[in-house]
């Protein structure tokens, strides 16, 4: 799906917030396409953990918990 590729591009650009939104949209809108939704869900989890770690390292613990 194009939205998943857009999410991957956002991730490469270090725009993790937008990458998370894109992957979430794939999992929500295309749940019936199991293979694509599953891959997007794994990507979403991985990116969310990276974002959480970045925020935690910056001392933004409250914001980090939103992604954990």
N, C-alpha and C. Protein backbone atom coordinates (compact mmCIF):
# COMPACT_ATOMS: atom_id res chain seq x y z
N UNK A 1 0.83 -1.16 0.00
CA UNK A 1 0.00 0.00 0.00
C UNK A 1 0.89 1.24 0.00
N UNK A 2 0.42 2.22 -0.64
CA UNK A 2 1.18 3.46 -0.76
C UNK A 2 1.38 4.12 0.59
N UNK A 3 0.38 4.05 1.45
CA UNK A 3 0.49 4.71 2.76
C UNK A 3 1.62 4.10 3.59
N UNK A 4 1.82 2.81 3.47
CA UNK A 4 2.91 2.17 4.21
C UNK A 4 4.26 2.62 3.67
N UNK A 5 4.36 2.78 2.38
CA UNK A 5 5.61 3.28 1.79
C UNK A 5 5.86 4.72 2.21
N UNK A 6 4.80 5.51 2.30
CA UNK A 6 4.95 6.88 2.78
C UNK A 6 5.45 6.87 4.21
N UNK A 7 4.92 5.98 5.03
CA UNK A 7 5.40 5.85 6.41
C UNK A 7 6.88 5.51 6.47
N UNK A 8 7.31 4.61 5.59
CA UNK A 8 8.73 4.25 5.54
C UNK A 8 9.59 5.44 5.14
N UNK A 9 9.09 6.23 4.21
CA UNK A 9 9.84 7.44 3.81
C UNK A 9 9.93 8.44 4.96
N UNK A 10 8.83 8.62 5.67
CA UNK A 10 8.87 9.51 6.83
C UNK A 10 9.88 9.01 7.86
N UNK A 11 9.91 7.71 8.05
CA UNK A 11 10.88 7.15 9.01
C UNK A 11 12.31 7.45 8.57
N UNK A 12 12.59 7.28 7.30
CA UNK A 12 13.95 7.57 6.80
C UNK A 12 14.30 9.04 6.94
N UNK A 13 13.28 9.92 6.92
CA UNK A 13 13.50 11.35 7.08
C UNK A 13 13.53 11.75 8.56
N UNK A 14 13.44 10.76 9.45
CA UNK A 14 13.40 10.97 10.90
C UNK A 14 12.17 11.73 11.36
N UNK A 15 11.09 11.65 10.60
CA UNK A 15 9.80 12.22 11.00
C UNK A 15 8.96 11.09 11.58
N UNK A 16 9.37 10.63 12.75
CA UNK A 16 8.74 9.46 13.34
C UNK A 16 7.27 9.68 13.67
N UNK A 17 6.91 10.89 14.05
CA UNK A 17 5.51 11.17 14.35
C UNK A 17 4.62 10.93 13.12
N UNK A 18 5.09 11.38 11.97
CA UNK A 18 4.32 11.17 10.74
C UNK A 18 4.36 9.72 10.28
N UNK A 19 5.50 9.05 10.51
CA UNK A 19 5.61 7.63 10.17
C UNK A 19 4.62 6.81 11.00
N UNK A 20 4.51 7.15 12.26
CA UNK A 20 3.57 6.45 13.15
C UNK A 20 2.14 6.66 12.67
N UNK A 21 1.80 7.88 12.31
CA UNK A 21 0.45 8.16 11.81
C UNK A 21 0.16 7.37 10.54
N UNK A 22 1.11 7.30 9.64
CA UNK A 22 0.91 6.58 8.38
C UNK A 22 0.70 5.09 8.62
N UNK A 23 1.53 4.50 9.48
CA UNK A 23 1.40 3.07 9.77
C UNK A 23 0.08 2.78 10.49
N UNK A 24 -0.30 3.67 11.39
CA UNK A 24 -1.58 3.49 12.09
C UNK A 24 -2.74 3.51 11.10
N UNK A 25 -2.68 4.39 10.14
CA UNK A 25 -3.75 4.46 9.15
C UNK A 25 -3.86 3.16 8.36
N UNK A 26 -2.73 2.58 8.01
CA UNK A 26 -2.76 1.31 7.28
C UNK A 26 -3.42 0.23 8.13
N UNK A 27 -3.04 0.15 9.41
CA UNK A 27 -3.61 -0.90 10.26
C UNK A 27 -5.10 -0.68 10.50
N UNK A 28 -5.52 0.57 10.56
CA UNK A 28 -6.93 0.86 10.83
C UNK A 28 -7.80 0.71 9.57
N UNK A 29 -7.34 1.23 8.46
CA UNK A 29 -8.18 1.26 7.25
C UNK A 29 -8.11 -0.02 6.43
N UNK A 30 -7.02 -0.75 6.54
CA UNK A 30 -6.84 -1.91 5.67
C UNK A 30 -6.64 -3.20 6.46
N UNK A 31 -7.35 -3.31 7.58
CA UNK A 31 -7.22 -4.50 8.43
C UNK A 31 -7.61 -5.78 7.69
N UNK A 32 -8.46 -5.66 6.69
CA UNK A 32 -8.90 -6.85 5.95
C UNK A 32 -7.82 -7.38 5.00
N UNK A 33 -6.81 -6.57 4.72
CA UNK A 33 -5.67 -7.02 3.92
C UNK A 33 -4.60 -7.46 4.93
N UNK A 34 -4.73 -8.70 5.38
CA UNK A 34 -4.01 -9.19 6.54
C UNK A 34 -2.49 -9.04 6.42
N UNK A 35 -1.92 -9.43 5.30
CA UNK A 35 -0.47 -9.38 5.15
C UNK A 35 0.05 -7.94 5.28
N UNK A 36 -0.62 -7.02 4.62
CA UNK A 36 -0.19 -5.61 4.65
C UNK A 36 -0.40 -5.00 6.04
N UNK A 37 -1.55 -5.27 6.63
CA UNK A 37 -1.86 -4.72 7.96
C UNK A 37 -0.91 -5.28 9.02
N UNK A 38 -0.57 -6.55 8.90
CA UNK A 38 0.35 -7.16 9.86
C UNK A 38 1.74 -6.54 9.77
N UNK A 39 2.23 -6.39 8.55
CA UNK A 39 3.55 -5.77 8.37
C UNK A 39 3.55 -4.33 8.88
N UNK A 40 2.47 -3.60 8.61
CA UNK A 40 2.37 -2.22 9.09
C UNK A 40 2.31 -2.17 10.61
N UNK A 41 1.63 -3.14 11.22
CA UNK A 41 1.54 -3.19 12.68
C UNK A 41 2.91 -3.42 13.31
N UNK A 42 3.71 -4.31 12.73
CA UNK A 42 5.07 -4.53 13.23
C UNK A 42 5.92 -3.27 13.06
N UNK A 43 5.80 -2.62 11.90
CA UNK A 43 6.53 -1.37 11.67
C UNK A 43 6.09 -0.31 12.67
N UNK A 44 4.80 -0.22 12.89
CA UNK A 44 4.25 0.76 13.83
C UNK A 44 4.83 0.55 15.23
N UNK A 45 4.87 -0.67 15.68
CA UNK A 45 5.42 -0.97 17.00
C UNK A 45 6.89 -0.62 17.10
N UNK A 46 7.64 -0.97 16.08
CA UNK A 46 9.08 -0.69 16.08
C UNK A 46 9.35 0.81 16.08
N UNK A 47 8.63 1.55 15.24
CA UNK A 47 8.83 2.99 15.15
C UNK A 47 8.39 3.67 16.45
N UNK A 48 7.29 3.22 17.03
CA UNK A 48 6.81 3.80 18.28
C UNK A 48 7.82 3.60 19.40
N UNK A 49 8.47 2.45 19.45
CA UNK A 49 9.50 2.23 20.47
C UNK A 49 10.70 3.14 20.26
N UNK A 50 11.09 3.37 19.02
CA UNK A 50 12.19 4.29 18.72
C UNK A 50 11.82 5.70 19.17
N UNK A 51 10.60 6.11 18.85
CA UNK A 51 10.14 7.45 19.24
C UNK A 51 10.11 7.57 20.76
N UNK A 52 9.62 6.56 21.43
CA UNK A 52 9.57 6.56 22.89
C UNK A 52 10.97 6.70 23.48
N UNK A 53 11.91 5.96 22.95
CA UNK A 53 13.29 6.02 23.44
C UNK A 53 13.89 7.40 23.22
N UNK A 54 13.64 8.00 22.06
CA UNK A 54 14.16 9.35 21.78
C UNK A 54 13.61 10.36 22.77
N UNK A 55 12.32 10.28 23.02
CA UNK A 55 11.70 11.21 23.96
C UNK A 55 12.20 10.99 25.38
N UNK A 56 12.37 9.73 25.76
CA UNK A 56 12.89 9.41 27.09
C UNK A 56 14.29 9.95 27.27
N UNK A 57 15.12 9.77 26.25
CA UNK A 57 16.50 10.26 26.31
C UNK A 57 16.55 11.79 26.40
N UNK A 58 15.53 12.45 25.85
CA UNK A 58 15.46 13.91 25.90
C UNK A 58 14.85 14.40 27.21
N UNK A 59 14.51 13.47 28.10
CA UNK A 59 13.95 13.84 29.39
C UNK A 59 12.45 14.09 29.36
N UNK A 60 11.80 13.72 28.28
CA UNK A 60 10.35 13.92 28.13
C UNK A 60 9.63 12.61 28.45
N UNK A 61 9.69 12.21 29.71
CA UNK A 61 9.18 10.91 30.12
C UNK A 61 7.67 10.78 29.90
N UNK A 62 6.93 11.82 30.19
CA UNK A 62 5.49 11.77 30.01
C UNK A 62 5.13 11.54 28.54
N UNK A 63 5.78 12.27 27.65
CA UNK A 63 5.53 12.10 26.22
C UNK A 63 6.00 10.73 25.74
N UNK A 64 7.09 10.24 26.30
CA UNK A 64 7.62 8.93 25.91
C UNK A 64 6.63 7.81 26.22
N UNK A 65 5.92 7.94 27.32
CA UNK A 65 4.96 6.91 27.70
C UNK A 65 3.80 6.80 26.72
N UNK A 66 3.50 7.87 26.00
CA UNK A 66 2.42 7.82 25.01
C UNK A 66 2.73 6.84 23.88
N UNK A 67 3.99 6.64 23.60
CA UNK A 67 4.40 5.76 22.50
C UNK A 67 4.80 4.37 22.96
N UNK A 68 4.95 4.19 24.25
CA UNK A 68 5.43 2.90 24.74
C UNK A 68 4.32 1.89 24.78
